[in-house]
């Protein structure tokens, strides 16, 4: 059996934005970002691929980017099956990761280079996953690999509601003029922005659901938390803790208090 006909499986990782700033818009009107993206090593979806006589997506999620990724490459002969573990509407990049994982598999099967896949421009989050790096700093359309020698103990909390990314950016587009957007982050001082920076989408997401503040307050109420922040466009928030034990203890307490909230402990090496 040739590789193109084999059934293959790939993991599709989640991501976290340790900080996020809006710095302008490109010629398509999409927001350009300054953001430190990191993969979450122990949180991922699984996707399998096999040859078929048509494009077939097997998923419990109706609105996903897998089909868009396949069609962007004019692929119509794959059966793609998704097993979902990453929460939806969480700002953890699940849909973008699924699209990128699909593109990477297509690239492998049909000899399409990574640069060609990136040029499909399905989205900046998708582009991050296409690099298959554990940490990248995006400065508008400039991409920088990151090696800070940091170990971060993190608790991720997604409340029992989701937030639509498009809705958040629509509010940002209405309320912030392009003339007011400008670069903020100094690449030589990324550690500062990890611990003392911001996610500028938070205030827009808060207008969609004010209960986001409850999540941030809850994280700050636990021993050992250094900083709490929203990731991506929400609704997930995260706390960076002084130790893994403190992150685990906070996660247990939060889960016992809010049993419908999703909690996840991870350790990032960046």
C-alpha atoms as a PDB file:
ATOM      1  CA  UNK A   1       0.000   0.000   0.000  1.00  0.00           C
ATOM      2  CA  UNK A   2       1.466   3.361  -0.965  1.00  0.00           C
ATOM      3  CA  UNK A   3       1.748   6.053   1.751  1.00  0.00           C
ATOM      4  CA  UNK A   4      -0.956   8.102  -0.005  1.00  0.00           C
ATOM      5  CA  UNK A   5      -3.463   5.291   0.575  1.00  0.00           C
ATOM      6  CA  UNK A   6      -2.526   4.405   4.132  1.00  0.00           C
ATOM      7  CA  UNK A   7      -4.661   5.341   7.103  1.00  0.00           C
ATOM      8  CA  UNK A   8      -2.696   7.774   9.234  1.00  0.00           C
ATOM      9  CA  UNK A   9      -3.376   9.550  12.516  1.00  0.00           C
ATOM     10  CA  UNK A  10      -2.082  12.846  13.882  1.00  0.00           C
ATOM     11  CA  UNK A  11      -2.516  14.748  17.127  1.00  0.00           C
ATOM     12  CA  UNK A  12      -3.884  18.278  16.813  1.00  0.00           C
ATOM     13  CA  UNK A  13      -2.600  20.339  19.774  1.00  0.00           C
ATOM     14  CA  UNK A  14      -4.229  23.212  21.624  1.00  0.00           C
ATOM     15  CA  UNK A  15      -2.474  26.546  22.077  1.00  0.00           C
ATOM     16  CA  UNK A  16      -2.315  29.334  24.600  1.00  0.00           C
ATOM     17  CA  UNK A  17      -1.539  33.041  24.064  1.00  0.00           C
ATOM     18  CA  UNK A  18       0.621  34.223  26.952  1.00  0.00           C
ATOM     19  CA  UNK A  19      -0.057  37.819  25.866  1.00  0.00           C
ATOM     20  CA  UNK A  20      -1.879  39.396  22.935  1.00  0.00           C
ATOM     21  CA  UNK A  21      -1.875  42.916  21.493  1.00  0.00           C
ATOM     22  CA  UNK A  22      -3.633  44.321  18.436  1.00  0.00           C
ATOM     23  CA  UNK A  23      -1.216  46.299  16.289  1.00  0.00           C
ATOM     24  CA  UNK A  24      -3.101  47.077  13.083  1.00  0.00           C
ATOM     25  CA  UNK A  25      -4.902  45.465  10.169  1.00  0.00           C
ATOM     26  CA  UNK A  26      -3.665  43.930   6.954  1.00  0.00           C
ATOM     27  CA  UNK A  27      -4.957  44.694   3.453  1.00  0.00           C
ATOM     28  CA  UNK A  28      -7.817  42.198   3.969  1.00  0.00           C
ATOM     29  CA  UNK A  29      -8.972  44.002   7.105  1.00  0.00           C
ATOM     30  CA  UNK A  30      -7.797  41.225   9.452  1.00  0.00           C
ATOM     31  CA  UNK A  31      -6.207  42.268  12.711  1.00  0.00           C
ATOM     32  CA  UNK A  32      -2.454  41.922  13.012  1.00  0.00           C
ATOM     33  CA  UNK A  33      -1.164  40.757  16.374  1.00  0.00           C
ATOM     34  CA  UNK A  34       1.789  40.805  18.680  1.00  0.00           C
ATOM     35  CA  UNK A  35       1.378  37.577  20.599  1.00  0.00           C
ATOM     36  CA  UNK A  36       3.368  34.741  22.128  1.00  0.00           C
ATOM     37  CA  UNK A  37       1.781  31.458  21.021  1.00  0.00           C
ATOM     38  CA  UNK A  38       2.611  28.208  22.827  1.00  0.00           C
ATOM     39  CA  UNK A  39       1.333  24.699  22.238  1.00  0.00           C
ATOM     40  CA  UNK A  40      -0.219  22.932  25.215  1.00  0.00           C
ATOM     41  CA  UNK A  41       1.681  19.625  25.197  1.00  0.00           C
ATOM     42  CA  UNK A  42      -0.927  17.476  26.956  1.00  0.00           C
ATOM     43  CA  UNK A  43      -4.168  18.799  25.420  1.00  0.00           C
ATOM     44  CA  UNK A  44      -5.018  17.813  21.866  1.00  0.00           C
ATOM     45  CA  UNK A  45      -7.594  16.478  19.432  1.00  0.00           C
ATOM     46  CA  UNK A  46      -6.916  13.416  17.273  1.00  0.00           C
ATOM     47  CA  UNK A  47      -7.464  13.275  13.521  1.00  0.00           C
ATOM     48  CA  UNK A  48      -7.234  10.259  11.223  1.00  0.00           C
ATOM     49  CA  UNK A  49      -6.940  10.350   7.436  1.00  0.00           C
ATOM     50  CA  UNK A  50      -7.538   7.717   4.791  1.00  0.00           C
ATOM     51  CA  UNK A  51      -7.988   7.579   1.040  1.00  0.00           C
ATOM     52  CA  UNK A  52     -11.578   7.877  -0.159  1.00  0.00           C
ATOM     53  CA  UNK A  53     -13.508   8.464  -3.351  1.00  0.00           C
ATOM     54  CA  UNK A  54     -14.745  11.806  -2.029  1.00  0.00           C
ATOM     55  CA  UNK A  55     -14.027  14.393   0.666  1.00  0.00           C
ATOM     56  CA  UNK A  56     -15.715  13.175   3.831  1.00  0.00           C
ATOM     57  CA  UNK A  57     -15.464  14.838   7.269  1.00  0.00           C
ATOM     58  CA  UNK A  58     -16.483  12.703  10.250  1.00  0.00           C
ATOM     59  CA  UNK A  59     -16.990  14.980  13.237  1.00  0.00           C
ATOM     60  CA  UNK A  60     -19.504  15.911  15.924  1.00  0.00           C
ATOM     61  CA  UNK A  61     -18.611  19.547  15.216  1.00  0.00           C
ATOM     62  CA  UNK A  62     -20.560  21.037  12.338  1.00  0.00           C
ATOM     63  CA  UNK A  63     -18.604  24.245  11.966  1.00  0.00           C
ATOM     64  CA  UNK A  64     -14.922  23.340  11.681  1.00  0.00           C
ATOM     65  CA  UNK A  65     -12.047  24.466   9.484  1.00  0.00           C
ATOM     66  CA  UNK A  66     -11.035  21.006   8.288  1.00  0.00           C
ATOM     67  CA  UNK A  67     -13.180  21.161   5.154  1.00  0.00           C
ATOM     68  CA  UNK A  68     -11.951  24.670   4.373  1.00  0.00           C
ATOM     69  CA  UNK A  69      -8.338  23.470   4.682  1.00  0.00           C
ATOM     70  CA  UNK A  70      -8.928  20.519   2.364  1.00  0.00           C
ATOM     71  CA  UNK A  71     -10.737  22.621  -0.220  1.00  0.00           C
ATOM     72  CA  UNK A  72      -7.988  25.255  -0.118  1.00  0.00           C
ATOM     73  CA  UNK A  73      -5.682  22.520  -1.422  1.00  0.00           C
ATOM     74  CA  UNK A  74      -8.248  21.179  -3.927  1.00  0.00           C
ATOM     75  CA  UNK A  75      -8.317  17.835  -2.128  1.00  0.00           C
ATOM     76  CA  UNK A  76     -11.466  15.816  -2.653  1.00  0.00           C
ATOM     77  CA  UNK A  77     -10.365  12.233  -1.983  1.00  0.00           C
ATOM     78  CA  UNK A  78      -9.856  11.951   1.783  1.00  0.00           C
ATOM     79  CA  UNK A  79     -11.940  10.679   4.658  1.00  0.00           C
ATOM     80  CA  UNK A  80     -11.017  12.765   7.704  1.00  0.00           C
ATOM     81  CA  UNK A  81     -12.211  11.717  11.166  1.00  0.00           C
ATOM     82  CA  UNK A  82     -11.947  14.076  14.144  1.00  0.00           C
ATOM     83  CA  UNK A  83     -12.002  13.097  17.814  1.00  0.00           C
ATOM     84  CA  UNK A  84     -12.491  16.276  19.830  1.00  0.00           C
ATOM     85  CA  UNK A  85     -10.915  16.897  23.242  1.00  0.00           C
ATOM     86  CA  UNK A  86     -10.113  20.619  23.068  1.00  0.00           C
ATOM     87  CA  UNK A  87     -13.074  22.696  24.297  1.00  0.00           C
ATOM     88  CA  UNK A  88     -14.882  24.726  21.635  1.00  0.00           C
ATOM     89  CA  UNK A  89     -15.160  28.517  21.818  1.00  0.00           C
ATOM     90  CA  UNK A  90     -12.365  28.538  24.345  1.00  0.00           C
ATOM     91  CA  UNK A  91      -9.579  30.571  22.743  1.00  0.00           C
ATOM     92  CA  UNK A  92      -7.417  27.424  22.734  1.00  0.00           C
ATOM     93  CA  UNK A  93      -7.146  27.224  18.952  1.00  0.00           C
ATOM     94  CA  UNK A  94      -8.838  23.869  18.471  1.00  0.00           C
ATOM     95  CA  UNK A  95     -10.407  24.685  15.110  1.00  0.00           C
ATOM     96  CA  UNK A  96      -7.253  26.330  13.792  1.00  0.00           C
ATOM     97  CA  UNK A  97      -5.164  23.397  14.977  1.00  0.00           C
ATOM     98  CA  UNK A  98      -7.508  20.961  13.227  1.00  0.00           C
ATOM     99  CA  UNK A  99      -7.127  22.957  10.002  1.00  0.00           C
ATOM    100  CA  UNK A 100      -3.341  23.071  10.318  1.00  0.00           C
ATOM    101  CA  UNK A 101      -3.111  19.359  11.100  1.00  0.00           C
ATOM    102  CA  UNK A 102      -5.196  18.662   8.001  1.00  0.00           C
ATOM    103  CA  UNK A 103      -2.945  20.881   5.896  1.00  0.00           C
ATOM    104  CA  UNK A 104       0.191  19.162   7.228  1.00  0.00           C
ATOM    105  CA  UNK A 105      -1.210  15.745   6.375  1.00  0.00           C
ATOM    106  CA  UNK A 106      -2.207  16.940   2.908  1.00  0.00           C
ATOM    107  CA  UNK A 107       1.279  18.391   2.482  1.00  0.00           C
ATOM    108  CA  UNK A 108       2.800  15.038   3.377  1.00  0.00           C
ATOM    109  CA  UNK A 109       0.491  13.053   1.084  1.00  0.00           C
ATOM    110  CA  UNK A 110       0.602  15.350  -1.939  1.00  0.00           C
ATOM    111  CA  UNK A 111       4.105  16.839  -1.631  1.00  0.00           C
ATOM    112  CA  UNK A 112       2.995  20.381  -0.827  1.00  0.00           C
ATOM    113  CA  UNK A 113       5.632  22.417   1.017  1.00  0.00           C
ATOM    114  CA  UNK A 114       5.046  24.121   4.338  1.00  0.00           C
ATOM    115  CA  UNK A 115       5.558  27.523   2.693  1.00  0.00           C
ATOM    116  CA  UNK A 116       2.823  26.712   0.187  1.00  0.00           C
ATOM    117  CA  UNK A 117       0.507  25.657   3.009  1.00  0.00           C
ATOM    118  CA  UNK A 118       1.205  28.867   4.950  1.00  0.00           C
ATOM    119  CA  UNK A 119       0.456  30.833   1.772  1.00  0.00           C
ATOM    120  CA  UNK A 120      -3.111  29.473   1.865  1.00  0.00           C
ATOM    121  CA  UNK A 121      -3.703  32.175   4.534  1.00  0.00           C
ATOM    122  CA  UNK A 122      -6.455  30.371   6.385  1.00  0.00           C
ATOM    123  CA  UNK A 123      -5.558  32.321   9.530  1.00  0.00           C
ATOM    124  CA  UNK A 124      -2.732  33.427  11.819  1.00  0.00           C
ATOM    125  CA  UNK A 125      -3.584  30.804  14.429  1.00  0.00           C
ATOM    126  CA  UNK A 126      -3.458  28.182  11.675  1.00  0.00           C
ATOM    127  CA  UNK A 127      -0.071  29.508  10.587  1.00  0.00           C
ATOM    128  CA  UNK A 128       1.292  29.037  14.121  1.00  0.00           C
ATOM    129  CA  UNK A 129       0.385  25.352  14.135  1.00  0.00           C
ATOM    130  CA  UNK A 130       1.880  24.842  10.677  1.00  0.00           C
ATOM    131  CA  UNK A 131       5.342  25.636  12.034  1.00  0.00           C
ATOM    132  CA  UNK A 132       5.073  22.733  14.532  1.00  0.00           C
ATOM    133  CA  UNK A 133       7.058  24.694  17.121  1.00  0.00           C
ATOM    134  CA  UNK A 134       6.210  24.721  20.801  1.00  0.00           C
ATOM    135  CA  UNK A 135       6.544  28.536  21.080  1.00  0.00           C
ATOM    136  CA  UNK A 136       6.517  31.339  18.515  1.00  0.00           C
ATOM    137  CA  UNK A 137       6.290  35.110  18.849  1.00  0.00           C
ATOM    138  CA  UNK A 138       4.174  36.737  16.136  1.00  0.00           C
ATOM    139  CA  UNK A 139       4.914  40.397  15.467  1.00  0.00           C
ATOM    140  CA  UNK A 140       2.344  41.251  12.825  1.00  0.00           C
ATOM    141  CA  UNK A 141       3.376  38.936   9.954  1.00  0.00           C
ATOM    142  CA  UNK A 142       6.904  38.450  11.283  1.00  0.00           C
ATOM    143  CA  UNK A 143       7.456  35.146  13.091  1.00  0.00           C
ATOM    144  CA  UNK A 144      10.191  34.595  15.674  1.00  0.00           C
ATOM    145  CA  UNK A 145      11.191  31.350  17.370  1.00  0.00           C
ATOM    146  CA  UNK A 146      11.389  31.676  21.149  1.00  0.00           C
ATOM    147  CA  UNK A 147      13.834  30.115  23.598  1.00  0.00           C
ATOM    148  CA  UNK A 148      13.613  31.905  26.950  1.00  0.00           C
ATOM    149  CA  UNK A 149      14.602  29.028  29.209  1.00  0.00           C
ATOM    150  CA  UNK A 150      11.362  29.378  31.158  1.00  0.00           C
ATOM    151  CA  UNK A 151       9.301  26.672  32.825  1.00  0.00           C
ATOM    152  CA  UNK A 152       5.736  27.812  33.492  1.00  0.00           C
ATOM    153  CA  UNK A 153       3.239  25.923  35.666  1.00  0.00           C
ATOM    154  CA  UNK A 154      -0.193  26.778  34.323  1.00  0.00           C
ATOM    155  CA  UNK A 155      -3.810  26.109  35.191  1.00  0.00           C
ATOM    156  CA  UNK A 156      -6.259  26.615  32.316  1.00  0.00           C
ATOM    157  CA  UNK A 157      -9.913  27.217  33.179  1.00  0.00           C
ATOM    158  CA  UNK A 158     -12.764  27.312  30.687  1.00  0.00           C
ATOM    159  CA  UNK A 159     -16.108  28.331  32.230  1.00  0.00           C
ATOM    160  CA  UNK A 160     -19.429  26.816  31.228  1.00  0.00           C
ATOM    161  CA  UNK A 161     -19.861  29.220  28.302  1.00  0.00           C
ATOM    162  CA  UNK A 162     -18.078  29.823  25.013  1.00  0.00           C
ATOM    163  CA  UNK A 163     -17.222  32.978  23.111  1.00  0.00           C
ATOM    164  CA  UNK A 164     -17.238  33.322  19.332  1.00  0.00           C
ATOM    165  CA  UNK A 165     -13.944  34.666  18.012  1.00  0.00           C
ATOM    166  CA  UNK A 166     -15.608  36.542  15.162  1.00  0.00           C
ATOM    167  CA  UNK A 167     -17.883  38.375  17.610  1.00  0.00           C
ATOM    168  CA  UNK A 168     -14.891  39.550  19.649  1.00  0.00           C
ATOM    169  CA  UNK A 169     -13.042  40.860  16.606  1.00  0.00           C
ATOM    170  CA  UNK A 170     -16.202  42.525  15.313  1.00  0.00           C
ATOM    171  CA  UNK A 171     -16.411  44.544  18.532  1.00  0.00           C
ATOM    172  CA  UNK A 172     -12.708  45.375  18.312  1.00  0.00           C
ATOM    173  CA  UNK A 173     -13.168  46.553  14.726  1.00  0.00           C
ATOM    174  CA  UNK A 174     -16.077  48.798  15.737  1.00  0.00           C
ATOM    175  CA  UNK A 175     -14.417  50.308  18.789  1.00  0.00           C
ATOM    176  CA  UNK A 176     -10.754  50.665  17.853  1.00  0.00           C
ATOM    177  CA  UNK A 177      -9.548  52.768  14.957  1.00  0.00           C
ATOM    178  CA  UNK A 178      -6.638  51.447  12.920  1.00  0.00           C
ATOM    179  CA  UNK A 179      -4.879  54.727  13.681  1.00  0.00           C
ATOM    180  CA  UNK A 180      -4.952  53.855  17.381  1.00  0.00           C
ATOM    181  CA  UNK A 181      -3.202  50.513  16.873  1.00  0.00           C
ATOM    182  CA  UNK A 182       0.573  50.323  17.096  1.00  0.00           C
ATOM    183  CA  UNK A 183       3.348  47.916  18.158  1.00  0.00           C
ATOM    184  CA  UNK A 184       3.800  47.612  21.919  1.00  0.00           C
ATOM    185  CA  UNK A 185       5.977  44.590  22.647  1.00  0.00           C
ATOM    186  CA  UNK A 186       9.769  44.782  22.678  1.00  0.00           C
ATOM    187  CA  UNK A 187      11.023  41.412  21.427  1.00  0.00           C
ATOM    188  CA  UNK A 188      14.053  41.648  23.715  1.00  0.00           C
ATOM    189  CA  UNK A 189      11.805  41.763  26.771  1.00  0.00           C
ATOM    190  CA  UNK A 190       9.295  38.963  26.193  1.00  0.00           C
ATOM    191  CA  UNK A 191       9.573  37.767  29.798  1.00  0.00           C
ATOM    192  CA  UNK A 192       8.188  41.097  30.983  1.00  0.00           C
ATOM    193  CA  UNK A 193       5.095  40.769  28.790  1.00  0.00           C
ATOM    194  CA  UNK A 194       4.498  37.176  29.900  1.00  0.00           C
ATOM    195  CA  UNK A 195       4.216  38.256  33.529  1.00  0.00           C
ATOM    196  CA  UNK A 196       3.158  41.904  33.233  1.00  0.00           C
ATOM    197  CA  UNK A 197       1.533  42.143  29.817  1.00  0.00           C
ATOM    198  CA  UNK A 198      -2.062  42.028  28.657  1.00  0.00           C
ATOM    199  CA  UNK A 199      -4.581  40.431  26.325  1.00  0.00           C
ATOM    200  CA  UNK A 200      -6.217  43.357  24.572  1.00  0.00           C
ATOM    201  CA  UNK A 201      -9.128  41.216  23.429  1.00  0.00           C
ATOM    202  CA  UNK A 202     -10.247  40.718  27.040  1.00  0.00           C
ATOM    203  CA  UNK A 203     -12.254  43.941  27.335  1.00  0.00           C
ATOM    204  CA  UNK A 204     -14.083  43.169  24.079  1.00  0.00           C
ATOM    205  CA  UNK A 205     -14.834  39.602  25.165  1.00  0.00           C
ATOM    206  CA  UNK A 206     -16.070  40.970  28.494  1.00  0.00           C
ATOM    207  CA  UNK A 207     -18.767  42.875  26.617  1.00  0.00           C
ATOM    208  CA  UNK A 208     -20.039  39.571  25.242  1.00  0.00           C
ATOM    209  CA  UNK A 209     -20.054  37.849  28.635  1.00  0.00           C
ATOM    210  CA  UNK A 210     -19.192  39.761  31.799  1.00  0.00           C
ATOM    211  CA  UNK A 211     -18.783  36.471  33.701  1.00  0.00           C
ATOM    212  CA  UNK A 212     -15.242  36.315  32.322  1.00  0.00           C
ATOM    213  CA  UNK A 213     -14.279  38.590  35.188  1.00  0.00           C
ATOM    214  CA  UNK A 214     -15.508  35.893  37.571  1.00  0.00           C
ATOM    215  CA  UNK A 215     -13.019  33.441  36.075  1.00  0.00           C
ATOM    216  CA  UNK A 216     -10.113  35.875  36.443  1.00  0.00           C
ATOM    217  CA  UNK A 217     -11.118  36.693  40.017  1.00  0.00           C
ATOM    218  CA  UNK A 218     -11.369  32.993  40.849  1.00  0.00           C
ATOM    219  CA  UNK A 219      -7.856  32.328  39.577  1.00  0.00           C
ATOM    220  CA  UNK A 220      -6.451  35.252  41.562  1.00  0.00           C
ATOM    221  CA  UNK A 221      -8.078  33.936  44.737  1.00  0.00           C
ATOM    222  CA  UNK A 222      -5.768  30.903  44.915  1.00  0.00           C
ATOM    223  CA  UNK A 223      -2.398  30.625  46.584  1.00  0.00           C
ATOM    224  CA  UNK A 224       0.662  30.831  44.358  1.00  0.00           C
ATOM    225  CA  UNK A 225      -0.888  32.536  41.343  1.00  0.00           C
ATOM    226  CA  UNK A 226       1.501  35.019  39.727  1.00  0.00           C
ATOM    227  CA  UNK A 227      -0.739  36.318  36.953  1.00  0.00           C
ATOM    228  CA  UNK A 228      -4.150  35.449  35.497  1.00  0.00           C
ATOM    229  CA  UNK A 229      -5.166  36.315  31.941  1.00  0.00           C
ATOM    230  CA  UNK A 230      -7.522  35.317  29.133  1.00  0.00           C
ATOM    231  CA  UNK A 231      -6.100  33.335  26.218  1.00  0.00           C
ATOM    232  CA  UNK A 232      -6.944  34.141  22.609  1.00  0.00           C
ATOM    233  CA  UNK A 233     -10.463  35.519  22.295  1.00  0.00           C
ATOM    234  CA  UNK A 234     -11.687  33.507  25.319  1.00  0.00           C
ATOM    235  CA  UNK A 235     -13.554  32.117  27.085  1.00  0.00           C
ATOM    236  CA  UNK A 236     -10.631  30.198  28.617  1.00  0.00           C
ATOM    237  CA  UNK A 237      -8.411  31.962  31.112  1.00  0.00           C
ATOM    238  CA  UNK A 238      -5.187  30.771  32.671  1.00  0.00           C
ATOM    239  CA  UNK A 239      -3.126  31.328  35.759  1.00  0.00           C
ATOM    240  CA  UNK A 240       0.652  31.070  35.952  1.00  0.00           C
ATOM    241  CA  UNK A 241       1.563  29.605  39.348  1.00  0.00           C
ATOM    242  CA  UNK A 242       4.708  29.513  41.436  1.00  0.00           C
ATOM    243  CA  UNK A 243       4.674  25.704  41.415  1.00  0.00           C
ATOM    244  CA  UNK A 244       2.901  22.803  39.785  1.00  0.00           C
ATOM    245  CA  UNK A 245       1.570  21.688  43.179  1.00  0.00           C
ATOM    246  CA  UNK A 246      -0.148  25.043  43.672  1.00  0.00           C
ATOM    247  CA  UNK A 247      -1.629  24.904  40.163  1.00  0.00           C
ATOM    248  CA  UNK A 248      -2.963  21.398  40.843  1.00  0.00           C
ATOM    249  CA  UNK A 249      -4.416  22.446  44.213  1.00  0.00           C
ATOM    250  CA  UNK A 250      -6.158  25.450  42.638  1.00  0.00           C
ATOM    251  CA  UNK A 251      -7.547  23.259  39.857  1.00  0.00           C
ATOM    252  CA  UNK A 252      -9.014  20.795  42.344  1.00  0.00           C
ATOM    253  CA  UNK A 253     -10.660  23.553  44.368  1.00  0.00           C
ATOM    254  CA  UNK A 254     -12.092  25.266  41.294  1.00  0.00           C
ATOM    255  CA  UNK A 255     -13.469  21.996  39.919  1.00  0.00           C
ATOM    256  CA  UNK A 256     -15.151  21.195  43.236  1.00  0.00           C
ATOM    257  CA  UNK A 257     -16.717  24.650  43.270  1.00  0.00           C
ATOM    258  CA  UNK A 258     -17.713  24.809  39.581  1.00  0.00           C
ATOM    259  CA  UNK A 259     -18.192  21.246  38.389  1.00  0.00           C
ATOM    260  CA  UNK A 260     -19.192  22.310  34.850  1.00  0.00           C
ATOM    261  CA  UNK A 261     -15.997  24.283  34.293  1.00  0.00           C
ATOM    262  CA  UNK A 262     -13.171  22.651  32.313  1.00  0.00           C
ATOM    263  CA  UNK A 263      -9.799  22.696  34.075  1.00  0.00           C
ATOM    264  CA  UNK A 264      -6.444  21.581  32.756  1.00  0.00           C
ATOM    265  CA  UNK A 265      -2.959  21.569  34.289  1.00  0.00           C
ATOM    266  CA  UNK A 266       0.049  21.944  32.022  1.00  0.00           C
ATOM    267  CA  UNK A 267       3.711  22.869  32.137  1.00  0.00           C
ATOM    268  CA  UNK A 268       5.212  24.983  29.378  1.00  0.00           C
ATOM    269  CA  UNK A 269       8.906  25.031  28.509  1.00  0.00           C
ATOM    270  CA  UNK A 270       9.637  28.069  26.365  1.00  0.00           C
END
